[in-house]
């Protein structure tokens, strides 16, 4: 299976000769949470609001339609999931639920809501300090407190 292609923006950042000749048209950054394009239920509306609070660095105006589709898929998933849990014999609906979840996962990747998708977009995540870095910092602070200033006349 071949590797996925790189976006024109990434090719330009990397300085690739295949990046294209002209500059890319910048998409407008979203500054406030817009109203949904169509009516959403509880799950979809929650995701719509959370998407703009968490994805402000990479979500653009051009992503609104796909984001709306994802929110509608979440609402549909809730309804279908309740139906499948109440009706054990509903195997057609259960299969449809699995297909919907797969499509939802693919759309979340498209929007950059998975770690690998953010990495491909070039968005760095703030990670917690590794154990080694933490130990090195503790050692450095211990050494700094035990060192004696040679200019002082007080014994250590």
Protein backbone atom coordinates (compact mmCIF):
# COMPACT_ATOMS: atom_id res chain seq x y z
CA UNK A 1 0.00 0.00 0.00
CA UNK A 2 1.61 3.32 -1.02
CA UNK A 3 2.18 6.18 1.37
CA UNK A 4 -0.45 8.92 1.34
CA UNK A 5 0.38 12.02 -0.68
CA UNK A 6 1.60 15.23 0.89
CA UNK A 7 -0.39 18.43 0.67
CA UNK A 8 0.84 21.35 -1.42
CA UNK A 9 1.35 23.39 1.78
CA UNK A 10 3.59 20.70 3.27
CA UNK A 11 5.55 20.37 0.02
CA UNK A 12 6.15 24.14 0.04
CA UNK A 13 7.30 24.06 3.67
CA UNK A 14 9.70 21.23 2.86
CA UNK A 15 11.01 23.08 -0.18
CA UNK A 16 10.08 20.33 -2.61
CA UNK A 17 10.52 21.00 -6.31
CA UNK A 18 7.09 19.45 -6.83
CA UNK A 19 5.37 21.98 -4.61
CA UNK A 20 3.71 23.88 -7.41
CA UNK A 21 4.54 27.22 -8.92
CA UNK A 22 2.12 29.70 -7.42
CA UNK A 23 1.35 30.48 -3.81
CA UNK A 24 -1.63 28.76 -2.26
CA UNK A 25 -4.66 30.86 -1.46
CA UNK A 26 -4.83 31.17 2.31
CA UNK A 27 -8.03 29.94 3.92
CA UNK A 28 -9.55 32.22 6.49
CA UNK A 29 -9.01 31.25 10.10
CA UNK A 30 -12.11 30.96 12.24
CA UNK A 31 -12.07 33.43 15.12
CA UNK A 32 -15.39 32.64 16.82
CA UNK A 33 -17.65 29.61 16.91
CA UNK A 34 -20.05 29.90 13.96
CA UNK A 35 -23.62 28.68 13.96
CA UNK A 36 -24.08 25.14 12.59
CA UNK A 37 -25.08 25.02 8.93
CA UNK A 38 -28.06 22.76 9.67
CA UNK A 39 -29.92 21.63 12.80
CA UNK A 40 -27.92 19.40 15.15
CA UNK A 41 -28.90 17.27 18.12
CA UNK A 42 -27.05 17.08 21.45
CA UNK A 43 -23.99 15.00 20.46
CA UNK A 44 -23.48 16.85 17.20
CA UNK A 45 -23.81 20.25 18.84
CA UNK A 46 -21.37 19.29 21.61
CA UNK A 47 -18.81 18.16 19.05
CA UNK A 48 -19.37 21.32 16.97
CA UNK A 49 -18.55 23.51 20.00
CA UNK A 50 -15.63 21.33 21.16
CA UNK A 51 -14.15 21.22 17.67
CA UNK A 52 -13.73 24.97 17.60
CA UNK A 53 -12.26 25.12 21.09
CA UNK A 54 -9.73 22.33 20.39
CA UNK A 55 -9.10 22.66 16.67
CA UNK A 56 -8.73 26.42 16.32
CA UNK A 57 -5.16 26.16 15.08
CA UNK A 58 -6.00 24.08 12.02
CA UNK A 59 -9.74 24.37 11.29
CA UNK A 60 -10.56 26.80 8.48
CA UNK A 61 -13.74 28.09 6.81
CA UNK A 62 -13.42 25.39 4.16
CA UNK A 63 -13.80 22.67 6.83
CA UNK A 64 -17.26 23.75 7.98
CA UNK A 65 -19.23 21.47 5.65
CA UNK A 66 -17.24 18.36 6.58
CA UNK A 67 -17.48 19.29 10.25
CA UNK A 68 -21.25 19.57 9.85
CA UNK A 69 -21.34 16.10 8.25
CA UNK A 70 -19.32 14.66 11.17
CA UNK A 71 -21.71 16.23 13.69
CA UNK A 72 -24.70 14.82 11.82
CA UNK A 73 -23.01 11.39 11.77
CA UNK A 74 -22.59 11.59 15.54
CA UNK A 75 -26.29 12.36 15.95
CA UNK A 76 -27.23 9.52 13.63
CA UNK A 77 -24.87 7.17 15.49
CA UNK A 78 -26.62 7.93 18.79
CA UNK A 79 -30.05 7.10 17.35
CA UNK A 80 -28.84 3.97 15.60
CA UNK A 81 -26.93 2.78 18.66
CA UNK A 82 -29.98 3.05 20.90
CA UNK A 83 -32.05 1.13 18.35
CA UNK A 84 -29.43 -1.64 18.03
CA UNK A 85 -29.11 -2.00 21.81
CA UNK A 86 -32.88 -2.30 22.22
CA UNK A 87 -33.35 -4.71 19.28
CA UNK A 88 -30.90 -7.60 19.51
CA UNK A 89 -32.19 -9.13 16.25
CA UNK A 90 -31.50 -5.97 14.20
CA UNK A 91 -28.34 -7.19 12.47
CA UNK A 92 -28.83 -4.99 9.39
CA UNK A 93 -28.83 -1.92 11.58
CA UNK A 94 -25.85 -3.22 13.54
CA UNK A 95 -23.89 -3.59 10.28
CA UNK A 96 -24.97 -0.07 9.28
CA UNK A 97 -23.75 1.21 12.65
CA UNK A 98 -20.30 -0.31 12.05
CA UNK A 99 -20.13 1.27 8.58
CA UNK A 100 -21.21 4.62 10.04
CA UNK A 101 -18.53 4.40 12.74
CA UNK A 102 -15.88 3.62 10.13
CA UNK A 103 -16.98 6.60 8.02
CA UNK A 104 -17.01 8.79 11.11
CA UNK A 105 -13.47 7.73 11.95
CA UNK A 106 -12.32 8.52 8.41
CA UNK A 107 -13.92 11.96 8.55
CA UNK A 108 -12.33 12.71 11.93
CA UNK A 109 -8.95 11.88 10.37
CA UNK A 110 -9.71 14.21 7.46
CA UNK A 111 -10.42 17.03 9.90
CA UNK A 112 -7.23 16.41 11.90
CA UNK A 113 -8.80 15.05 15.07
CA UNK A 114 -6.43 12.09 15.44
CA UNK A 115 -2.78 12.26 16.53
CA UNK A 116 -1.47 10.89 13.22
CA UNK A 117 -3.60 13.31 11.22
CA UNK A 118 -2.28 16.26 13.25
CA UNK A 119 1.25 15.02 12.70
CA UNK A 120 0.66 14.96 8.94
CA UNK A 121 -0.73 18.49 9.15
CA UNK A 122 2.46 19.55 10.93
CA UNK A 123 0.71 20.48 14.16
CA UNK A 124 2.93 19.83 17.15
CA UNK A 125 1.32 18.62 20.32
CA UNK A 126 2.54 19.61 23.72
CA UNK A 127 3.58 16.37 25.35
CA UNK A 128 4.24 15.67 28.95
CA UNK A 129 7.81 15.59 30.11
CA UNK A 130 9.37 12.18 29.59
CA UNK A 131 10.62 10.22 32.58
CA UNK A 132 14.24 10.73 31.52
CA UNK A 133 13.78 14.50 31.18
CA UNK A 134 12.10 14.60 34.58
CA UNK A 135 14.97 12.70 36.23
CA UNK A 136 17.58 14.93 34.57
CA UNK A 137 15.75 18.04 35.79
CA UNK A 138 15.60 16.68 39.35
CA UNK A 139 19.32 15.89 39.25
CA UNK A 140 20.15 19.37 37.95
CA UNK A 141 18.11 21.02 40.72
CA UNK A 142 19.80 18.83 43.36
CA UNK A 143 23.25 19.69 42.04
CA UNK A 144 22.37 23.40 41.94
CA UNK A 145 21.31 23.43 45.61
CA UNK A 146 24.39 21.54 46.85
CA UNK A 147 26.94 23.68 45.03
CA UNK A 148 28.76 26.19 47.23
CA UNK A 149 29.41 29.72 46.10
CA UNK A 150 33.22 30.22 46.22
CA UNK A 151 32.81 33.92 47.11
CA UNK A 152 31.04 33.25 50.38
CA UNK A 153 32.96 32.58 53.60
CA UNK A 154 30.31 30.39 55.13
CA UNK A 155 31.04 26.66 55.38
CA UNK A 156 28.61 24.37 53.59
